[in-house]
């Protein structure tokens, strides 16, 4: 009680001081320029939304805040992210329009110029940081369909510098595309837009509400199954740590426990303490197999496993038998899951949709369908994501080119 209240007071005072300093900075710049009073009000709104406090003017929404605080984790913070994106984008277009069309047709207000500048500076600074991190050896994901979009990836640890904006950008991209990208294999696969949106909402729930949804659905907001528990005591221990322990503590413990870089534990605490997202994931069997394959293939052949041919892969299996052992474990895991079969069926449906009307009509007439497209070509050689996509494109091209010739031949029935 006492510690939590003291922490809350320190947070409130610190954020209010920051907002006042932002306001004062521009207030003194505007002094003597004849700026309208409404602009000072908008400046205060910019200071609020840029520091995680949404400007709520609707009285009905204000009355619902106590209920929203029960259902969601920091609803005003989440709202401020959407508000900043919406108003910032509008301000940016207005400023650009003024530059192109002239002040006679479009004129940006002083507050809009500040907001547009803040948005551009924020995105530019973040992009520069990610670029520098990539140059220093960290992996940076630039694909917006990936969960790791805009993050620095160091081993099993993900560092998010975007202050709550990254999940919004990623979710919008996934909703537009209707698919997501695996952080392990790099493969893209179709996912229901309703499920994508549902996972985003689930990630914003309060600890109590989130726990209830996870228990009922059996999955967390990432879509991963929650552990199975022997008794209530084990469940209570898991729930307290996952849902009620301070995020700084969770991030630090996870980094120490799961990261292969022991220094990451020391780095995680100061980053998380200052509001930077630090997540370290426990690897799955497939993750371990991927890392093992890439490790040995890079050492021996100088390239990743997915870029090797079947003969080179077989040679590496003989050279390092532990790869075969890990493949057996991963194969057992896949046998007990339906995702592989589901993706093969999706690939077949995708190819069928790309066929011409003439080809599809004939296939329907003779009751022929593609079914699932297997990724295994020769023994243990499985196509990687890029080759699997090329396989689908080539098959579609050949069917559209060859089948019409067969159908139109004299004597074809």
Protein backbone atom coordinates (compact mmCIF):
# COMPACT_ATOMS: atom_id res chain seq x y z
CA UNK A 1 0.00 0.00 0.00
CA UNK A 2 2.50 2.65 1.11
CA UNK A 3 5.05 1.80 -1.59
CA UNK A 4 2.42 1.70 -4.35
CA UNK A 5 0.91 5.04 -3.27
CA UNK A 6 4.34 6.66 -3.11
CA UNK A 7 5.16 5.30 -6.58
CA UNK A 8 1.87 6.65 -7.93
CA UNK A 9 2.51 10.10 -6.45
CA UNK A 10 6.01 10.19 -7.90
CA UNK A 11 4.68 9.20 -11.33
CA UNK A 12 1.88 11.79 -11.30
CA UNK A 13 4.16 14.61 -10.13
CA UNK A 14 6.89 13.68 -12.61
CA UNK A 15 4.52 13.55 -15.59
CA UNK A 16 2.80 16.80 -14.61
CA UNK A 17 6.19 18.50 -14.36
CA UNK A 18 7.13 17.19 -17.81
CA UNK A 19 3.86 18.47 -19.31
CA UNK A 20 4.38 21.88 -17.72
CA UNK A 21 7.91 22.09 -19.12
CA UNK A 22 6.70 21.20 -22.63
CA UNK A 23 4.00 23.87 -22.42
CA UNK A 24 6.37 26.52 -21.02
CA UNK A 25 8.95 25.80 -23.74
CA UNK A 26 6.58 26.84 -26.53
CA UNK A 27 4.75 29.44 -24.42
CA UNK A 28 7.90 31.55 -24.16
CA UNK A 29 8.56 31.13 -27.89
CA UNK A 30 5.07 32.44 -28.67
CA UNK A 31 5.28 35.44 -26.34
CA UNK A 32 4.71 38.71 -28.20
CA UNK A 33 3.60 37.02 -31.46
CA UNK A 34 -0.12 37.65 -31.04
CA UNK A 35 -1.03 33.97 -30.82
CA UNK A 36 -4.76 33.35 -30.23
CA UNK A 37 -5.87 31.99 -26.83
CA UNK A 38 -7.30 28.83 -28.44
CA UNK A 39 -3.81 27.92 -29.59
CA UNK A 40 -2.57 27.81 -26.00
CA UNK A 41 -5.36 25.39 -25.18
CA UNK A 42 -4.33 23.22 -28.12
CA UNK A 43 -0.72 23.43 -26.97
CA UNK A 44 -1.78 22.04 -23.58
CA UNK A 45 -3.58 19.20 -25.40
CA UNK A 46 -0.39 18.42 -27.34
CA UNK A 47 1.57 18.28 -24.07
CA UNK A 48 -1.02 15.86 -22.67
CA UNK A 49 -1.31 13.47 -25.61
CA UNK A 50 2.43 13.35 -26.28
CA UNK A 51 3.05 12.26 -22.67
CA UNK A 52 0.39 9.55 -22.55
CA UNK A 53 -2.75 11.34 -21.36
CA UNK A 54 -5.70 11.50 -23.75
CA UNK A 55 -7.75 14.70 -23.94
CA UNK A 56 -11.29 13.50 -23.20
CA UNK A 57 -13.94 16.16 -23.76
CA UNK A 58 -17.02 13.94 -24.03
CA UNK A 59 -18.82 13.90 -20.66
CA UNK A 60 -20.25 10.41 -21.23
CA UNK A 61 -16.78 8.99 -21.87
CA UNK A 62 -15.48 10.77 -18.76
CA UNK A 63 -18.24 9.15 -16.71
CA UNK A 64 -17.22 5.73 -18.07
CA UNK A 65 -13.53 6.12 -17.16
CA UNK A 66 -13.82 4.25 -13.81
CA UNK A 67 -15.36 1.29 -15.66
CA UNK A 68 -12.78 1.48 -18.44
CA UNK A 69 -9.99 1.47 -15.85
CA UNK A 70 -11.35 -1.83 -14.52
CA UNK A 71 -11.60 -3.46 -17.96
CA UNK A 72 -8.48 -2.04 -19.61
CA UNK A 73 -4.88 -1.33 -18.68
CA UNK A 74 -4.23 2.45 -18.76
CA UNK A 75 -7.07 3.38 -21.16
CA UNK A 76 -6.08 7.06 -21.22
CA UNK A 77 -2.56 6.13 -22.28
CA UNK A 78 -3.88 3.91 -25.09
CA UNK A 79 -6.29 6.65 -26.13
CA UNK A 80 -3.47 9.19 -26.26
CA UNK A 81 -1.59 7.03 -28.77
CA UNK A 82 -4.54 7.04 -31.17
CA UNK A 83 -5.15 10.75 -30.56
CA UNK A 84 -1.53 11.63 -31.29
CA UNK A 85 -1.51 9.59 -34.51
CA UNK A 86 -4.83 11.02 -35.72
CA UNK A 87 -4.26 14.68 -34.91
CA UNK A 88 -0.56 14.48 -35.78
CA UNK A 89 -1.26 13.02 -39.24
CA UNK A 90 -3.93 15.65 -39.90
CA UNK A 91 -1.54 18.41 -38.81
CA UNK A 92 1.23 17.02 -41.02
CA UNK A 93 -1.02 16.98 -44.10
CA UNK A 94 -2.13 20.54 -43.33
CA UNK A 95 1.47 21.78 -43.05
CA UNK A 96 2.47 19.99 -46.27
CA UNK A 97 -0.64 21.37 -47.99
CA UNK A 98 0.34 24.88 -46.93
CA UNK A 99 3.80 24.41 -48.43
CA UNK A 100 2.36 23.15 -51.71
CA UNK A 101 -0.78 25.28 -52.17
CA UNK A 102 0.27 28.40 -50.27
CA UNK A 103 -1.17 30.15 -47.23
CA UNK A 104 -3.95 31.71 -49.31
CA UNK A 105 -5.63 28.30 -49.70
CA UNK A 106 -4.39 26.29 -46.72
CA UNK A 107 -2.93 27.74 -43.55
CA UNK A 108 -1.60 25.64 -40.68
CA UNK A 109 -2.08 26.98 -37.17
CA UNK A 110 0.94 27.37 -34.83
CA UNK A 111 -0.18 24.36 -32.78
CA UNK A 112 -0.50 22.22 -35.93
CA UNK A 113 3.04 23.14 -36.96
CA UNK A 114 4.33 22.05 -33.53
CA UNK A 115 2.38 18.79 -33.61
CA UNK A 116 3.51 17.97 -37.16
CA UNK A 117 7.10 18.71 -36.17
CA UNK A 118 6.81 16.48 -33.09
CA UNK A 119 5.46 13.60 -35.20
CA UNK A 120 8.18 13.87 -37.84
CA UNK A 121 10.96 14.23 -35.25
CA UNK A 122 9.65 11.23 -33.29
CA UNK A 123 9.53 8.90 -36.31
CA UNK A 124 12.88 10.16 -37.62
CA UNK A 125 14.66 9.74 -34.28
CA UNK A 126 13.25 6.23 -33.84
CA UNK A 127 14.25 5.19 -37.35
CA UNK A 128 17.79 6.49 -36.83
CA UNK A 129 18.08 4.55 -33.56
CA UNK A 130 16.94 1.32 -35.24
CA UNK A 131 19.32 1.86 -38.16
CA UNK A 132 22.26 2.41 -35.81
CA UNK A 133 21.27 -0.69 -33.81
CA UNK A 134 21.24 -2.71 -37.04
CA UNK A 135 24.68 -1.41 -37.97
CA UNK A 136 25.97 -2.46 -34.54
CA UNK A 137 24.81 -6.06 -35.01
CA UNK A 138 21.26 -6.14 -33.64
CA UNK A 139 18.53 -7.58 -35.84
CA UNK A 140 15.86 -5.04 -36.79
CA UNK A 141 12.51 -6.09 -38.25
CA UNK A 142 11.17 -3.69 -40.90
CA UNK A 143 8.19 -5.78 -42.05
CA UNK A 144 5.00 -4.29 -40.50
CA UNK A 145 3.21 -7.65 -40.66
CA UNK A 146 5.62 -9.11 -38.10
CA UNK A 147 5.07 -8.93 -34.34
CA UNK A 148 8.67 -7.68 -34.11
CA UNK A 149 8.08 -4.75 -36.48
CA UNK A 150 10.14 -1.74 -35.44
CA UNK A 151 11.92 -3.63 -32.66
CA UNK A 152 15.54 -4.38 -31.96
CA UNK A 153 16.01 -8.14 -31.66
CA UNK A 154 19.04 -9.31 -29.68
CA UNK A 155 18.88 -13.08 -29.36
CA UNK A 156 15.63 -13.86 -27.57
CA UNK A 157 15.13 -10.29 -26.35
CA UNK A 158 12.98 -7.69 -28.09
CA UNK A 159 13.47 -3.97 -27.36
CA UNK A 160 10.61 -1.62 -28.25
CA UNK A 161 11.48 2.10 -28.28
CA UNK A 162 8.17 3.38 -29.67
CA UNK A 163 6.27 4.07 -26.45
CA UNK A 164 3.00 2.28 -27.26
CA UNK A 165 2.76 3.15 -30.96
CA UNK A 166 4.30 -0.07 -32.34
CA UNK A 167 1.31 -2.38 -31.62
CA UNK A 168 -1.04 0.06 -33.37
CA UNK A 169 1.10 0.29 -36.53
CA UNK A 170 1.62 -3.47 -36.61
CA UNK A 171 -2.06 -4.29 -36.08
CA UNK A 172 -3.19 -1.87 -38.81
CA UNK A 173 -0.73 -3.45 -41.27
CA UNK A 174 -1.87 -6.97 -40.35
CA UNK A 175 -5.55 -6.00 -40.67
CA UNK A 176 -4.94 -4.53 -44.13
CA UNK A 177 -2.97 -7.58 -45.32
CA UNK A 178 -5.04 -10.19 -43.48
CA UNK A 179 -1.94 -12.10 -42.51
CA UNK A 180 0.93 -12.20 -40.01
CA UNK A 181 4.60 -13.08 -40.20
CA UNK A 182 6.26 -15.71 -38.03
CA UNK A 183 9.07 -14.29 -35.90
CA UNK A 184 10.81 -17.67 -36.02
CA UNK A 185 10.72 -18.78 -39.66
CA UNK A 186 9.81 -15.53 -41.40
CA UNK A 187 6.89 -17.27 -43.08
CA UNK A 188 3.70 -15.29 -43.72
CA UNK A 189 0.36 -16.97 -43.18
CA UNK A 190 -3.27 -15.95 -43.45
CA UNK A 191 -5.10 -15.02 -40.27
CA UNK A 192 -8.65 -13.87 -39.64
CA UNK A 193 -8.91 -10.09 -39.28
CA UNK A 194 -11.33 -10.64 -36.43
CA UNK A 195 -8.70 -12.72 -34.63
CA UNK A 196 -5.99 -10.08 -35.27
CA UNK A 197 -8.21 -7.33 -33.86
CA UNK A 198 -9.28 -9.54 -30.96
CA UNK A 199 -5.65 -10.22 -29.98
CA UNK A 200 -4.95 -6.47 -30.04
CA UNK A 201 -7.90 -5.75 -27.74
CA UNK A 202 -6.86 -8.62 -25.46
CA UNK A 203 -3.37 -7.11 -25.14
CA UNK A 204 -4.95 -3.91 -23.79
CA UNK A 205 -7.04 -5.57 -21.07
CA UNK A 206 -6.39 -4.98 -17.38
CA UNK A 207 -4.59 -7.75 -15.44
CA UNK A 208 -7.83 -9.12 -13.95
CA UNK A 209 -9.80 -8.96 -17.21
CA UNK A 210 -6.85 -10.34 -19.19
CA UNK A 211 -6.47 -13.25 -16.78
CA UNK A 212 -10.14 -14.12 -17.16
CA UNK A 213 -9.96 -14.12 -20.96
CA UNK A 214 -6.79 -16.24 -20.98
CA UNK A 215 -8.27 -18.82 -18.60
CA UNK A 216 -11.48 -19.08 -20.64
CA UNK A 217 -9.78 -19.18 -24.06
CA UNK A 218 -6.67 -21.10 -23.00
CA UNK A 219 -4.48 -18.67 -24.96
CA UNK A 220 -2.64 -15.43 -24.24
CA UNK A 221 -2.86 -12.29 -26.41
CA UNK A 222 -0.09 -13.67 -28.66
CA UNK A 223 -2.27 -16.68 -29.44
CA UNK A 224 0.04 -19.03 -27.54
CA UNK A 225 -1.48 -21.64 -25.19
CA UNK A 226 -1.16 -20.91 -21.50
CA UNK A 227 0.58 -23.57 -19.35
CA UNK A 228 -1.27 -26.50 -17.82
CA UNK A 229 -1.24 -26.48 -14.03
CA UNK A 230 -1.06 -29.36 -11.57
CA UNK A 231 -3.04 -27.59 -8.85
CA UNK A 232 -4.47 -24.23 -7.78
CA UNK A 233 -1.25 -23.26 -6.01
CA UNK A 234 0.74 -23.54 -9.24
CA UNK A 235 -1.93 -21.56 -11.10
CA UNK A 236 -1.92 -18.84 -8.43
CA UNK A 237 1.88 -18.55 -8.61
CA UNK A 238 1.75 -18.17 -12.39
CA UNK A 239 -1.13 -15.66 -12.30
CA UNK A 240 0.51 -13.46 -9.66
CA UNK A 241 3.78 -13.28 -11.59
CA UNK A 242 2.28 -12.85 -15.07
CA UNK A 243 -0.52 -10.43 -14.20
CA UNK A 244 0.27 -8.61 -10.97
CA UNK A 245 4.06 -8.41 -10.66
CA UNK A 246 5.55 -5.04 -11.74
CA UNK A 247 6.49 -5.02 -15.43
CA UNK A 248 10.02 -3.86 -14.60
CA UNK A 249 10.48 -6.94 -12.42
CA UNK A 250 9.02 -9.29 -15.05
CA UNK A 251 11.15 -7.90 -17.87
CA UNK A 252 14.34 -8.13 -15.79
CA UNK A 253 13.70 -11.68 -14.53
CA UNK A 254 12.75 -12.93 -18.02
CA UNK A 255 15.92 -11.39 -19.50
CA UNK A 256 18.10 -13.04 -16.85
CA UNK A 257 16.31 -16.39 -17.18
CA UNK A 258 15.86 -16.78 -20.94
CA UNK A 259 18.40 -14.55 -22.70
CA UNK A 260 21.55 -16.24 -23.99
CA UNK A 261 23.35 -12.94 -23.42
CA UNK A 262 23.82 -12.69 -19.65
CA UNK A 263 24.54 -8.96 -19.88
CA UNK A 264 20.98 -8.50 -21.13
CA UNK A 265 19.71 -8.95 -17.57
CA UNK A 266 21.72 -5.93 -16.43
CA UNK A 267 20.58 -3.94 -19.48
CA UNK A 268 16.90 -4.88 -19.15
CA UNK A 269 16.32 -3.21 -15.78
CA UNK A 270 17.34 0.38 -16.67
CA UNK A 271 15.57 0.16 -20.04
CA UNK A 272 12.32 -1.14 -18.54
CA UNK A 273 12.56 1.31 -15.63
CA UNK A 274 12.58 4.21 -18.09
CA UNK A 275 9.56 2.93 -20.01
CA UNK A 276 11.26 1.13 -22.91
CA UNK A 277 9.65 -2.20 -23.73
CA UNK A 278 11.94 -5.17 -23.04
CA UNK A 279 10.55 -8.64 -23.71
CA UNK A 280 12.51 -11.89 -23.57
CA UNK A 281 10.80 -15.05 -24.79
CA UNK A 282 11.40 -18.63 -23.82
CA UNK A 283 12.25 -20.51 -27.00
CA UNK A 284 10.12 -23.33 -28.38
CA UNK A 285 11.35 -26.61 -29.85
CA UNK A 286 11.09 -25.14 -33.36
CA UNK A 287 13.06 -22.06 -32.27
CA UNK A 288 15.83 -24.28 -30.93
CA UNK A 289 15.91 -26.29 -34.16
CA UNK A 290 16.07 -23.14 -36.32
CA UNK A 291 18.90 -21.67 -34.24
CA UNK A 292 20.83 -24.94 -34.26
CA UNK A 293 20.52 -25.36 -38.02
CA UNK A 294 21.54 -21.78 -38.78
CA UNK A 295 24.44 -21.94 -36.32
CA UNK A 296 26.07 -24.98 -37.92
CA UNK A 297 25.20 -24.12 -41.55
CA UNK A 298 26.72 -20.65 -41.13
CA UNK A 299 29.89 -22.07 -39.57
CA UNK A 300 30.34 -24.75 -42.24
CA UNK A 301 28.87 -23.24 -45.43
CA UNK A 302 28.71 -19.54 -44.62
CA UNK A 303 24.95 -19.29 -45.24
CA UNK A 304 21.69 -19.93 -43.37
CA UNK A 305 20.09 -23.37 -43.41
CA UNK A 306 17.15 -22.25 -45.59
CA UNK A 307 19.58 -21.28 -48.36
CA UNK A 308 21.23 -24.73 -48.52
CA UNK A 309 20.27 -27.44 -51.00
CA UNK A 310 19.15 -30.94 -49.90
CA UNK A 311 22.61 -32.49 -50.39
CA UNK A 312 24.31 -29.87 -48.22
CA UNK A 313 21.61 -30.23 -45.56
CA UNK A 314 22.05 -34.02 -45.50
CA UNK A 315 25.83 -33.62 -45.23
CA UNK A 316 25.37 -31.29 -42.28
CA UNK A 317 23.02 -33.80 -40.61
CA UNK A 318 25.73 -36.46 -40.83
CA UNK A 319 28.36 -34.02 -39.56
CA UNK A 320 26.15 -32.89 -36.64
CA UNK A 321 23.80 -35.73 -35.54
CA UNK A 322 22.26 -33.46 -32.88
CA UNK A 323 20.40 -31.72 -35.73
CA UNK A 324 18.64 -35.01 -36.53
CA UNK A 325 17.73 -35.49 -32.86
CA UNK A 326 16.25 -32.01 -32.64
CA UNK A 327 14.36 -32.57 -35.91
CA UNK A 328 12.73 -35.67 -34.44
CA UNK A 329 11.58 -33.69 -31.42
CA UNK A 330 10.26 -30.88 -33.62
CA UNK A 331 8.55 -33.38 -35.93
CA UNK A 332 6.78 -34.91 -32.93
CA UNK A 333 5.64 -31.44 -31.87
CA UNK A 334 4.32 -30.70 -35.36
CA UNK A 335 2.50 -34.02 -35.47
CA UNK A 336 0.55 -32.95 -32.43
CA UNK A 337 -0.37 -29.56 -33.93
CA UNK A 338 -2.65 -28.65 -36.81
CA UNK A 339 -0.97 -25.44 -37.98
CA UNK A 340 1.22 -27.16 -40.60
CA UNK A 341 -1.71 -28.87 -42.31
CA UNK A 342 -3.74 -25.68 -42.10
CA UNK A 343 -1.05 -23.65 -43.88
CA UNK A 344 -0.70 -26.28 -46.61
CA UNK A 345 -4.46 -26.11 -47.22
CA UNK A 346 -4.34 -22.32 -47.29
CA UNK A 347 -1.56 -22.48 -49.89
CA UNK A 348 -3.69 -24.76 -52.08
CA UNK A 349 -6.69 -22.44 -51.80
CA UNK A 350 -4.49 -19.44 -52.67
CA UNK A 351 -3.27 -21.12 -55.86
CA UNK A 352 -6.81 -22.14 -56.85
CA UNK A 353 -8.02 -18.54 -56.45
CA UNK A 354 -5.25 -17.35 -58.78
CA UNK A 355 -6.36 -19.67 -61.59
CA UNK A 356 -8.28 -18.35 -64.57
CA UNK A 357 -12.04 -18.81 -64.75
CA UNK A 358 -11.63 -21.30 -67.62
CA UNK A 359 -9.23 -23.50 -65.62
CA UNK A 360 -11.33 -23.41 -62.45
CA UNK A 361 -14.49 -24.22 -64.38
CA UNK A 362 -12.85 -27.28 -65.93
CA UNK A 363 -11.42 -28.43 -62.59
CA UNK A 364 -14.88 -28.16 -61.05
CA UNK A 365 -16.38 -30.11 -63.96
CA UNK A 366 -14.03 -33.06 -63.47
CA UNK A 367 -14.14 -32.71 -59.63
CA UNK A 368 -10.42 -32.03 -59.22
CA UNK A 369 -8.87 -29.78 -56.59
CA UNK A 370 -5.31 -29.02 -55.55
CA UNK A 371 -5.77 -29.80 -51.88
CA UNK A 372 -2.86 -28.98 -49.60
CA UNK A 373 0.58 -28.19 -50.98
CA UNK A 374 3.25 -30.09 -49.06
CA UNK A 375 6.43 -28.26 -48.14
CA UNK A 376 8.49 -31.48 -48.07
CA UNK A 377 10.00 -32.14 -51.50
CA UNK A 378 12.79 -34.70 -51.04
CA UNK A 379 13.03 -36.72 -47.83
CA UNK A 380 13.84 -34.20 -45.08
CA UNK A 381 14.16 -31.18 -47.35
CA UNK A 382 11.41 -28.69 -46.53
CA UNK A 383 10.97 -25.54 -48.57
CA UNK A 384 11.63 -22.31 -46.73
CA UNK A 385 9.12 -19.44 -46.81
CA UNK A 386 10.56 -17.82 -49.95
CA UNK A 387 10.83 -21.07 -51.93
CA UNK A 388 7.37 -22.18 -50.78
CA UNK A 389 5.90 -18.91 -52.09
CA UNK A 390 7.81 -19.37 -55.38
CA UNK A 391 6.49 -22.93 -55.60
CA UNK A 392 2.92 -21.60 -55.34
CA UNK A 393 3.53 -18.86 -57.93
CA UNK A 394 5.18 -21.28 -60.38
CA UNK A 395 2.38 -23.82 -59.98
CA UNK A 396 -0.24 -21.13 -60.62
CA UNK A 397 1.63 -19.93 -63.72
CA UNK A 398 2.01 -23.44 -65.15
CA UNK A 399 -1.63 -24.38 -64.56
CA UNK A 400 -2.87 -21.18 -66.17
CA UNK A 401 -0.54 -21.67 -69.16
CA UNK A 402 -0.65 -25.43 -69.76
CA UNK A 403 -4.21 -26.51 -68.87
CA UNK A 404 -5.96 -24.23 -71.38
CA UNK A 405 -3.83 -25.80 -74.15
CA UNK A 406 -4.88 -29.28 -73.03
CA UNK A 407 -8.53 -28.31 -72.70
CA UNK A 408 -8.63 -26.73 -76.17
CA UNK A 409 -6.94 -29.68 -77.93
CA UNK A 410 -9.12 -31.62 -80.39
CA UNK A 411 -10.42 -34.80 -78.84
CA UNK A 412 -10.26 -33.57 -75.22
CA UNK A 413 -13.36 -34.53 -73.27
